[in-house]
Amino acid sequence: MKQVTSMMAGVVLEVLVKAGDQVTDGQEVAILESMKMQLPVQSNQAGKVNAIKVNSGDFVNEGDAILDLE
């Protein structure tokens, strides 16, 4: 299973996709807030969103799964 992971620790402000959506390589899938900056999380591969692993307001560490792709 392919995963999109957080590139740094922060709070999930918004998830931009939902289960079943098709995403492309480089597409923004979530927005994190870290050190008072808003940072986009981009998919590193194309695929169909299988599961969203986080909700808005959740804290994530670097490397934590944001979503799973098929």
C-alpha atoms as a PDB file:
ATOM      1  CA  MET A   1       0.000   0.000   0.000  1.00  0.00           C
ATOM      2  CA  LYS A   2       1.246   3.463  -0.878  1.00  0.00           C
ATOM      3  CA  GLN A   3       1.098   6.260   1.704  1.00  0.00           C
ATOM      4  CA  VAL A   4       1.389  10.030   1.682  1.00  0.00           C
ATOM      5  CA  THR A   5       3.264  11.082   4.826  1.00  0.00           C
ATOM      6  CA  SER A   6       3.887  14.291   6.727  1.00  0.00           C
ATOM      7  CA  MET A   7       7.157  16.007   5.870  1.00  0.00           C
ATOM      8  CA  MET A   8       7.388  17.626   9.333  1.00  0.00           C
ATOM      9  CA  ALA A   9       5.596  17.811  12.669  1.00  0.00           C
ATOM     10  CA  GLY A  10       2.550  20.044  12.822  1.00  0.00           C
ATOM     11  CA  VAL A  11      -1.213  20.354  13.119  1.00  0.00           C
ATOM     12  CA  VAL A  12      -3.473  19.305  10.248  1.00  0.00           C
ATOM     13  CA  LEU A  13      -5.447  22.410   9.254  1.00  0.00           C
ATOM     14  CA  GLU A  14      -7.360  20.874   6.366  1.00  0.00           C
ATOM     15  CA  VAL A  15      -7.586  17.673   4.350  1.00  0.00           C
ATOM     16  CA  LEU A  16      -8.184  18.604   0.705  1.00  0.00           C
ATOM     17  CA  VAL A  17      -9.255  15.185  -0.632  1.00  0.00           C
ATOM     18  CA  LYS A  18     -11.684  12.455   0.405  1.00  0.00           C
ATOM     19  CA  ALA A  19     -11.742   8.679   0.127  1.00  0.00           C
ATOM     20  CA  GLY A  20     -12.309   7.611  -3.470  1.00  0.00           C
ATOM     21  CA  ASP A  21     -10.706  10.701  -5.033  1.00  0.00           C
ATOM     22  CA  GLN A  22      -8.037  10.275  -7.705  1.00  0.00           C
ATOM     23  CA  VAL A  23      -4.849  12.236  -6.977  1.00  0.00           C
ATOM     24  CA  THR A  24      -1.922  13.030  -9.217  1.00  0.00           C
ATOM     25  CA  ASP A  25       1.779  13.149  -8.416  1.00  0.00           C
ATOM     26  CA  GLY A  26       2.455  16.543  -6.800  1.00  0.00           C
ATOM     27  CA  GLN A  27      -1.187  17.323  -5.981  1.00  0.00           C
ATOM     28  CA  GLU A  28      -1.802  19.077  -2.656  1.00  0.00           C
ATOM     29  CA  VAL A  29      -3.772  16.728  -0.385  1.00  0.00           C
ATOM     30  CA  ALA A  30      -3.608  18.505   3.002  1.00  0.00           C
ATOM     31  CA  ILE A  31      -2.460  21.682   4.733  1.00  0.00           C
ATOM     32  CA  LEU A  32      -0.289  21.556   7.885  1.00  0.00           C
ATOM     33  CA  GLU A  33       0.518  24.357  10.292  1.00  0.00           C
ATOM     34  CA  SER A  34       4.004  24.237  11.737  1.00  0.00           C
ATOM     35  CA  MET A  35       5.923  27.087  13.375  1.00  0.00           C
ATOM     36  CA  LYS A  36       3.047  29.457  12.418  1.00  0.00           C
ATOM     37  CA  MET A  37       3.481  28.619   8.724  1.00  0.00           C
ATOM     38  CA  GLN A  38       0.904  26.899   6.552  1.00  0.00           C
ATOM     39  CA  LEU A  39       2.547  24.139   4.538  1.00  0.00           C
ATOM     40  CA  PRO A  40       0.947  22.072   1.770  1.00  0.00           C
ATOM     41  CA  VAL A  41       1.374  18.291   1.861  1.00  0.00           C
ATOM     42  CA  GLN A  42       1.736  16.946  -1.673  1.00  0.00           C
ATOM     43  CA  SER A  43       1.180  13.439  -2.928  1.00  0.00           C
ATOM     44  CA  ASN A  44       4.435  11.864  -4.089  1.00  0.00           C
ATOM     45  CA  GLN A  45       2.606   9.533  -6.493  1.00  0.00           C
ATOM     46  CA  ALA A  46      -0.647   9.154  -8.385  1.00  0.00           C
ATOM     47  CA  GLY A  47      -3.427   6.898  -7.190  1.00  0.00           C
ATOM     48  CA  LYS A  48      -6.888   6.574  -5.691  1.00  0.00           C
ATOM     49  CA  VAL A  49      -7.367   7.673  -2.064  1.00  0.00           C
ATOM     50  CA  ASN A  50      -8.144   4.512  -0.108  1.00  0.00           C
ATOM     51  CA  ALA A  51      -8.275   5.960   3.433  1.00  0.00           C
ATOM     52  CA  ILE A  52      -7.735   9.274   5.205  1.00  0.00           C
ATOM     53  CA  LYS A  53      -5.611   8.693   8.331  1.00  0.00           C
ATOM     54  CA  VAL A  54      -5.987  12.156   9.960  1.00  0.00           C
ATOM     55  CA  ASN A  55      -8.634  14.768  10.727  1.00  0.00           C
ATOM     56  CA  SER A  56      -8.448  18.545  10.923  1.00  0.00           C
ATOM     57  CA  GLY A  57      -6.905  19.503  14.260  1.00  0.00           C
ATOM     58  CA  ASP A  58      -4.822  16.328  14.613  1.00  0.00           C
ATOM     59  CA  PHE A  59      -1.124  16.654  15.485  1.00  0.00           C
ATOM     60  CA  VAL A  60       1.220  14.660  13.253  1.00  0.00           C
ATOM     61  CA  ASN A  61       4.932  13.948  13.496  1.00  0.00           C
ATOM     62  CA  GLU A  62       7.365  13.804  10.594  1.00  0.00           C
ATOM     63  CA  GLY A  63       6.731  10.584   8.672  1.00  0.00           C
ATOM     64  CA  ASP A  64       3.203   9.983  10.001  1.00  0.00           C
ATOM     65  CA  ALA A  65       0.706   8.727   7.412  1.00  0.00           C
ATOM     66  CA  ILE A  66      -1.739  11.346   6.119  1.00  0.00           C
ATOM     67  CA  LEU A  67      -3.550   9.036   3.696  1.00  0.00           C
ATOM     68  CA  ASP A  68      -3.330   5.688   1.943  1.00  0.00           C
ATOM     69  CA  LEU A  69      -3.399   5.285  -1.842  1.00  0.00           C
ATOM     70  CA  GLU A  70      -4.332   2.242  -3.940  1.00  0.00           C
END
